[in-house]
């Protein structure tokens, strides 16, 4: 499953019905995804000099890939 699919499914289940044209869920999901990307990127270590930083950086890179839908979410 891709992050966007998960987010859109949550938006579709929301209590506030979206009375927009087709594609409204994607339009709502886009700014949420951008905020999450900025938030994760802000915590991305510049270097991986220690094992801790390397692990932290690897996690942030994985999360960013999931937000871009370039990889599936872990099951």
PDB file of N, CA and C in Angstrom:
ATOM      1  N   UNK A   1       0.847  -1.176   0.000  1.00  0.00           N
ATOM      2  CA  UNK A   1       0.000   0.000   0.000  1.00  0.00           C
ATOM      3  C   UNK A   1       0.891   1.238   0.000  1.00  0.00           C
ATOM      4  N   UNK A   2       0.496   2.227  -0.749  1.00  0.00           N
ATOM      5  CA  UNK A   2       1.219   3.494  -0.825  1.00  0.00           C
ATOM      6  C   UNK A   2       0.666   4.467   0.221  1.00  0.00           C
ATOM      7  N   UNK A   3       1.508   5.419   0.636  1.00  0.00           N
ATOM      8  CA  UNK A   3       1.090   6.403   1.626  1.00  0.00           C
ATOM      9  C   UNK A   3      -0.127   7.187   1.143  1.00  0.00           C
ATOM     10  N   UNK A   4      -0.104   7.610  -0.120  1.00  0.00           N
ATOM     11  CA  UNK A   4      -1.223   8.398  -0.657  1.00  0.00           C
ATOM     12  C   UNK A   4      -2.538   7.617  -0.588  1.00  0.00           C
ATOM     13  N   UNK A   5      -2.485   6.320  -0.849  1.00  0.00           N
ATOM     14  CA  UNK A   5      -3.686   5.486  -0.765  1.00  0.00           C
ATOM     15  C   UNK A   5      -4.220   5.457   0.666  1.00  0.00           C
ATOM     16  N   UNK A   6      -3.318   5.315   1.623  1.00  0.00           N
ATOM     17  CA  UNK A   6      -3.699   5.300   3.030  1.00  0.00           C
ATOM     18  C   UNK A   6      -4.327   6.631   3.440  1.00  0.00           C
ATOM     19  N   UNK A   7      -3.701   7.734   3.030  1.00  0.00           N
ATOM     20  CA  UNK A   7      -4.201   9.063   3.366  1.00  0.00           C
ATOM     21  C   UNK A   7      -5.553   9.332   2.709  1.00  0.00           C
ATOM     22  N   UNK A   8      -5.692   8.982   1.449  1.00  0.00           N
ATOM     23  CA  UNK A   8      -6.952   9.214   0.739  1.00  0.00           C
ATOM     24  C   UNK A   8      -8.069   8.374   1.346  1.00  0.00           C
ATOM     25  N   UNK A   9      -7.765   7.143   1.742  1.00  0.00           N
ATOM     26  CA  UNK A   9      -8.771   6.307   2.397  1.00  0.00           C
ATOM     27  C   UNK A   9      -9.232   6.945   3.708  1.00  0.00           C
ATOM     28  N   UNK A  10      -8.305   7.522   4.461  1.00  0.00           N
ATOM     29  CA  UNK A  10      -8.674   8.199   5.715  1.00  0.00           C
ATOM     30  C   UNK A  10      -9.541   9.416   5.428  1.00  0.00           C
ATOM     31  N   UNK A  11      -9.214  10.163   4.385  1.00  0.00           N
ATOM     32  CA  UNK A  11     -10.015  11.338   4.023  1.00  0.00           C
ATOM     33  C   UNK A  11     -11.416  10.898   3.611  1.00  0.00           C
ATOM     34  N   UNK A  12     -11.509   9.818   2.863  1.00  0.00           N
ATOM     35  CA  UNK A  12     -12.815   9.325   2.419  1.00  0.00           C
ATOM     36  C   UNK A  12     -13.671   8.850   3.591  1.00  0.00           C
ATOM     37  N   UNK A  13     -13.037   8.368   4.668  1.00  0.00           N
ATOM     38  CA  UNK A  13     -13.771   7.910   5.856  1.00  0.00           C
ATOM     39  C   UNK A  13     -14.095   9.046   6.817  1.00  0.00           C
ATOM     40  N   UNK A  14     -13.623  10.243   6.526  1.00  0.00           N
ATOM     41  CA  UNK A  14     -13.822  11.352   7.455  1.00  0.00           C
ATOM     42  C   UNK A  14     -15.302  11.659   7.625  1.00  0.00           C
ATOM     43  N   UNK A  15     -15.628  12.267   8.748  1.00  0.00           N
ATOM     44  CA  UNK A  15     -17.018  12.582   9.044  1.00  0.00           C
ATOM     45  C   UNK A  15     -17.527  13.765   8.222  1.00  0.00           C
ATOM     46  N   UNK A  16     -16.629  14.568   7.715  1.00  0.00           N
ATOM     47  CA  UNK A  16     -17.024  15.708   6.901  1.00  0.00           C
ATOM     48  C   UNK A  16     -17.038  15.249   5.448  1.00  0.00           C
ATOM     49  N   UNK A  17     -18.226  15.148   4.864  1.00  0.00           N
ATOM     50  CA  UNK A  17     -18.252  14.683   3.477  1.00  0.00           C
ATOM     51  C   UNK A  17     -17.643  15.724   2.537  1.00  0.00           C
ATOM     52  N   UNK A  18     -16.879  15.246   1.598  1.00  0.00           N
ATOM     53  CA  UNK A  18     -16.288  16.127   0.601  1.00  0.00           C
ATOM     54  C   UNK A  18     -17.249  16.198  -0.579  1.00  0.00           C
ATOM     55  N   UNK A  19     -17.775  17.369  -0.815  1.00  0.00           N
ATOM     56  CA  UNK A  19     -18.738  17.537  -1.899  1.00  0.00           C
ATOM     57  C   UNK A  19     -18.069  18.292  -3.029  1.00  0.00           C
ATOM     58  N   UNK A  20     -17.038  17.702  -3.544  1.00  0.00           N
ATOM     59  CA  UNK A  20     -16.274  18.316  -4.610  1.00  0.00           C
ATOM     60  C   UNK A  20     -16.306  17.432  -5.840  1.00  0.00           C
ATOM     61  N   UNK A  21     -15.631  17.868  -6.838  1.00  0.00           N
ATOM     62  CA  UNK A  21     -15.500  17.103  -8.068  1.00  0.00           C
ATOM     63  C   UNK A  21     -14.596  15.896  -7.823  1.00  0.00           C
ATOM     64  N   UNK A  22     -14.604  14.939  -8.761  1.00  0.00           N
ATOM     65  CA  UNK A  22     -13.662  13.820  -8.635  1.00  0.00           C
ATOM     66  C   UNK A  22     -12.236  14.342  -8.504  1.00  0.00           C
ATOM     67  N   UNK A  23     -11.467  13.691  -7.653  1.00  0.00           N
ATOM     68  CA  UNK A  23     -10.094  14.122  -7.411  1.00  0.00           C
ATOM     69  C   UNK A  23      -9.975  15.019  -6.193  1.00  0.00           C
ATOM     70  N   UNK A  24     -11.081  15.270  -5.512  1.00  0.00           N
ATOM     71  CA  UNK A  24     -11.050  16.145  -4.338  1.00  0.00           C
ATOM     72  C   UNK A  24     -10.179  15.566  -3.235  1.00  0.00           C
ATOM     73  N   UNK A  25     -10.234  14.245  -3.061  1.00  0.00           N
ATOM     74  CA  UNK A  25      -9.426  13.617  -2.011  1.00  0.00           C
ATOM     75  C   UNK A  25      -7.941  13.857  -2.253  1.00  0.00           C
ATOM     76  N   UNK A  26      -7.515  13.726  -3.512  1.00  0.00           N
ATOM     77  CA  UNK A  26      -6.116  13.964  -3.853  1.00  0.00           C
ATOM     78  C   UNK A  26      -5.728  15.412  -3.594  1.00  0.00           C
ATOM     79  N   UNK A  27      -6.643  16.328  -3.875  1.00  0.00           N
ATOM     80  CA  UNK A  27      -6.376  17.748  -3.645  1.00  0.00           C
ATOM     81  C   UNK A  27      -6.216  18.057  -2.162  1.00  0.00           C
ATOM     82  N   UNK A  28      -6.969  17.370  -1.330  1.00  0.00           N
ATOM     83  CA  UNK A  28      -6.862  17.557   0.113  1.00  0.00           C
ATOM     84  C   UNK A  28      -5.582  16.884   0.628  1.00  0.00           C
ATOM     85  N   UNK A  29      -5.249  15.725   0.072  1.00  0.00           N
ATOM     86  CA  UNK A  29      -4.079  14.967   0.529  1.00  0.00           C
ATOM     87  C   UNK A  29      -2.771  15.668   0.184  1.00  0.00           C
ATOM     88  N   UNK A  30      -2.715  16.392  -0.923  1.00  0.00           N
ATOM     89  CA  UNK A  30      -1.478  17.031  -1.380  1.00  0.00           C
ATOM     90  C   UNK A  30      -0.856  17.952  -0.325  1.00  0.00           C
ATOM     91  N   UNK A  31      -1.583  18.931   0.241  1.00  0.00           N
ATOM     92  CA  UNK A  31      -0.947  19.798   1.230  1.00  0.00           C
ATOM     93  C   UNK A  31      -0.544  19.066   2.505  1.00  0.00           C
ATOM     94  N   UNK A  32      -1.298  18.049   2.882  1.00  0.00           N
ATOM     95  CA  UNK A  32      -0.942  17.264   4.067  1.00  0.00           C
ATOM     96  C   UNK A  32       0.388  16.551   3.820  1.00  0.00           C
ATOM     97  N   UNK A  33       0.521  15.965   2.646  1.00  0.00           N
ATOM     98  CA  UNK A  33       1.761  15.272   2.286  1.00  0.00           C
ATOM     99  C   UNK A  33       2.932  16.239   2.256  1.00  0.00           C
ATOM    100  N   UNK A  34       2.738  17.430   1.711  1.00  0.00           N
ATOM    101  CA  UNK A  34       3.816  18.424   1.643  1.00  0.00           C
ATOM    102  C   UNK A  34       4.273  18.840   3.048  1.00  0.00           C
ATOM    103  N   UNK A  35       3.328  19.001   3.960  1.00  0.00           N
ATOM    104  CA  UNK A  35       3.681  19.359   5.337  1.00  0.00           C
ATOM    105  C   UNK A  35       4.486  18.236   5.979  1.00  0.00           C
ATOM    106  N   UNK A  36       4.060  17.000   5.772  1.00  0.00           N
ATOM    107  CA  UNK A  36       4.787  15.861   6.342  1.00  0.00           C
ATOM    108  C   UNK A  36       6.187  15.750   5.758  1.00  0.00           C
ATOM    109  N   UNK A  37       6.329  15.983   4.451  1.00  0.00           N
ATOM    110  CA  UNK A  37       7.658  15.959   3.827  1.00  0.00           C
ATOM    111  C   UNK A  37       8.565  17.026   4.448  1.00  0.00           C
ATOM    112  N   UNK A  38       8.038  18.227   4.623  1.00  0.00           N
ATOM    113  CA  UNK A  38       8.831  19.313   5.209  1.00  0.00           C
ATOM    114  C   UNK A  38       9.222  18.977   6.640  1.00  0.00           C
ATOM    115  N   UNK A  39       8.307  18.379   7.392  1.00  0.00           N
ATOM    116  CA  UNK A  39       8.561  18.041   8.789  1.00  0.00           C
ATOM    117  C   UNK A  39       9.649  16.966   8.890  1.00  0.00           C
ATOM    118  N   UNK A  40       9.538  15.916   8.075  1.00  0.00           N
ATOM    119  CA  UNK A  40      10.547  14.857   8.098  1.00  0.00           C
ATOM    120  C   UNK A  40      11.892  15.412   7.622  1.00  0.00           C
ATOM    121  N   UNK A  41      11.884  16.207   6.568  1.00  0.00           N
ATOM    122  CA  UNK A  41      13.120  16.783   6.030  1.00  0.00           C
ATOM    123  C   UNK A  41      13.820  17.674   7.051  1.00  0.00           C
ATOM    124  N   UNK A  42      13.053  18.375   7.874  1.00  0.00           N
ATOM    125  CA  UNK A  42      13.632  19.247   8.889  1.00  0.00           C
ATOM    126  C   UNK A  42      14.402  18.448   9.939  1.00  0.00           C
ATOM    127  N   UNK A  43      14.072  17.180  10.110  1.00  0.00           N
ATOM    128  CA  UNK A  43      14.733  16.328  11.094  1.00  0.00           C
ATOM    129  C   UNK A  43      15.803  15.433  10.475  1.00  0.00           C
ATOM    130  N   UNK A  44      16.063  15.591   9.199  1.00  0.00           N
ATOM    131  CA  UNK A  44      17.043  14.768   8.501  1.00  0.00           C
ATOM    132  C   UNK A  44      18.454  15.223   8.852  1.00  0.00           C
ATOM    133  N   UNK A  45      19.253  14.348   9.487  1.00  0.00           N
ATOM    134  CA  UNK A  45      20.624  14.736   9.813  1.00  0.00           C
ATOM    135  C   UNK A  45      21.427  15.024   8.537  1.00  0.00           C
ATOM    136  N   UNK A  46      22.262  16.041   8.586  1.00  0.00           N
ATOM    137  CA  UNK A  46      23.073  16.412   7.428  1.00  0.00           C
ATOM    138  C   UNK A  46      24.133  15.369   7.124  1.00  0.00           C
ATOM    139  N   UNK A  47      24.630  14.728   8.150  1.00  0.00           N
ATOM    140  CA  UNK A  47      25.651  13.709   7.954  1.00  0.00           C
ATOM    141  C   UNK A  47      25.315  12.496   8.812  1.00  0.00           C
ATOM    142  N   UNK A  48      25.974  11.416   8.510  1.00  0.00           N
ATOM    143  CA  UNK A  48      25.758  10.182   9.259  1.00  0.00           C
ATOM    144  C   UNK A  48      27.090   9.749   9.879  1.00  0.00           C
ATOM    145  N   UNK A  49      27.640  10.613  10.723  1.00  0.00           N
ATOM    146  CA  UNK A  49      28.949  10.349  11.326  1.00  0.00           C
ATOM    147  C   UNK A  49      28.903   9.278  12.410  1.00  0.00           C
ATOM    148  N   UNK A  50      27.750   9.104  13.035  1.00  0.00           N
ATOM    149  CA  UNK A  50      27.618   8.090  14.080  1.00  0.00           C
ATOM    150  C   UNK A  50      26.593   7.046  13.629  1.00  0.00           C
ATOM    151  N   UNK A  51      26.598   5.908  14.301  1.00  0.00           N
ATOM    152  CA  UNK A  51      25.614   4.871  13.980  1.00  0.00           C
ATOM    153  C   UNK A  51      24.200   5.390  14.217  1.00  0.00           C
ATOM    154  N   UNK A  52      24.029   6.166  15.286  1.00  0.00           N
ATOM    155  CA  UNK A  52      22.714   6.735  15.597  1.00  0.00           C
ATOM    156  C   UNK A  52      22.251   7.631  14.456  1.00  0.00           C
ATOM    157  N   UNK A  53      23.116   8.550  14.009  1.00  0.00           N
ATOM    158  CA  UNK A  53      22.761   9.453  12.917  1.00  0.00           C
ATOM    159  C   UNK A  53      22.496   8.695  11.623  1.00  0.00           C
ATOM    160  N   UNK A  54      23.261   7.637  11.377  1.00  0.00           N
ATOM    161  CA  UNK A  54      23.062   6.838  10.169  1.00  0.00           C
ATOM    162  C   UNK A  54      21.684   6.165  10.191  1.00  0.00           C
ATOM    163  N   UNK A  55      21.304   5.615  11.329  1.00  0.00           N
ATOM    164  CA  UNK A  55      19.991   4.992  11.465  1.00  0.00           C
ATOM    165  C   UNK A  55      18.866   6.001  11.362  1.00  0.00           C
ATOM    166  N   UNK A  56      19.058   7.137  11.997  1.00  0.00           N
ATOM    167  CA  UNK A  56      18.073   8.209  11.972  1.00  0.00           C
ATOM    168  C   UNK A  56      17.887   8.715  10.545  1.00  0.00           C
ATOM    169  N   UNK A  57      19.012   8.889   9.846  1.00  0.00           N
ATOM    170  CA  UNK A  57      18.972   9.353   8.461  1.00  0.00           C
ATOM    171  C   UNK A  57      18.289   8.318   7.557  1.00  0.00           C
ATOM    172  N   UNK A  58      18.602   7.033   7.759  1.00  0.00           N
ATOM    173  CA  UNK A  58      17.995   5.974   6.964  1.00  0.00           C
ATOM    174  C   UNK A  58      16.479   5.948   7.151  1.00  0.00           C
ATOM    175  N   UNK A  59      16.031   6.140   8.396  1.00  0.00           N
ATOM    176  CA  UNK A  59      14.598   6.181   8.664  1.00  0.00           C
ATOM    177  C   UNK A  59      13.949   7.374   7.963  1.00  0.00           C
ATOM    178  N   UNK A  60      14.557   8.540   8.064  1.00  0.00           N
ATOM    179  CA  UNK A  60      14.003   9.732   7.421  1.00  0.00           C
ATOM    180  C   UNK A  60      13.936   9.566   5.905  1.00  0.00           C
ATOM    181  N   UNK A  61      14.972   8.979   5.323  1.00  0.00           N
ATOM    182  CA  UNK A  61      14.983   8.749   3.872  1.00  0.00           C
ATOM    183  C   UNK A  61      13.872   7.771   3.493  1.00  0.00           C
ATOM    184  N   UNK A  62      13.671   6.732   4.302  1.00  0.00           N
ATOM    185  CA  UNK A  62      12.599   5.771   4.051  1.00  0.00           C
ATOM    186  C   UNK A  62      11.230   6.452   4.132  1.00  0.00           C
ATOM    187  N   UNK A  63      11.022   7.274   5.136  1.00  0.00           N
ATOM    188  CA  UNK A  63       9.746   7.981   5.277  1.00  0.00           C
ATOM    189  C   UNK A  63       9.490   8.910   4.100  1.00  0.00           C
ATOM    190  N   UNK A  64      10.516   9.610   3.657  1.00  0.00           N
ATOM    191  CA  UNK A  64      10.366  10.504   2.509  1.00  0.00           C
ATOM    192  C   UNK A  64      10.023   9.716   1.245  1.00  0.00           C
ATOM    193  N   UNK A  65      10.614   8.548   1.079  1.00  0.00           N
ATOM    194  CA  UNK A  65      10.296   7.707  -0.077  1.00  0.00           C
ATOM    195  C   UNK A  65       8.843   7.246  -0.029  1.00  0.00           C
ATOM    196  N   UNK A  66       8.359   6.933   1.167  1.00  0.00           N
ATOM    197  CA  UNK A  66       6.962   6.528   1.306  1.00  0.00           C
ATOM    198  C   UNK A  66       6.035   7.703   1.019  1.00  0.00           C
ATOM    199  N   UNK A  67       6.400   8.893   1.458  1.00  0.00           N
ATOM    200  CA  UNK A  67       5.582  10.076   1.196  1.00  0.00           C
ATOM    201  C   UNK A  67       5.540  10.405  -0.300  1.00  0.00           C
ATOM    202  N   UNK A  68       6.613  10.100  -1.012  1.00  0.00           N
ATOM    203  CA  UNK A  68       6.656  10.327  -2.464  1.00  0.00           C
ATOM    204  C   UNK A  68       5.999   9.195  -3.242  1.00  0.00           C
ATOM    205  N   UNK A  69       5.572   8.155  -2.541  1.00  0.00           N
ATOM    206  CA  UNK A  69       5.000   6.961  -3.145  1.00  0.00           C
ATOM    207  C   UNK A  69       5.990   6.231  -4.048  1.00  0.00           C
ATOM    208  N   UNK A  70       7.278   6.426  -3.800  1.00  0.00           N
ATOM    209  CA  UNK A  70       8.260   5.689  -4.573  1.00  0.00           C
ATOM    210  C   UNK A  70       8.550   4.321  -3.955  1.00  0.00           C
ATOM    211  N   UNK A  71       7.963   4.062  -2.788  1.00  0.00           N
ATOM    212  CA  UNK A  71       8.070   2.747  -2.154  1.00  0.00           C
ATOM    213  C   UNK A  71       6.779   2.482  -1.373  1.00  0.00           C
ATOM    214  N   UNK A  72       6.481   1.213  -1.191  1.00  0.00           N
ATOM    215  CA  UNK A  72       5.288   0.845  -0.433  1.00  0.00           C
ATOM    216  C   UNK A  72       5.524   1.016   1.058  1.00  0.00           C
ATOM    217  N   UNK A  73       4.439   1.162   1.795  1.00  0.00           N
ATOM    218  CA  UNK A  73       4.514   1.188   3.249  1.00  0.00           C
ATOM    219  C   UNK A  73       4.834  -0.226   3.733  1.00  0.00           C
ATOM    220  N   UNK A  74       5.576  -0.342   4.831  1.00  0.00           N
ATOM    221  CA  UNK A  74       5.832  -1.676   5.373  1.00  0.00           C
ATOM    222  C   UNK A  74       4.535  -2.312   5.869  1.00  0.00           C
ATOM    223  N   UNK A  75       4.482  -3.604   5.774  1.00  0.00           N
ATOM    224  CA  UNK A  75       3.255  -4.298   6.225  1.00  0.00           C
ATOM    225  C   UNK A  75       3.377  -4.758   7.625  1.00  0.00           C
TER     226      UNK A  75
END
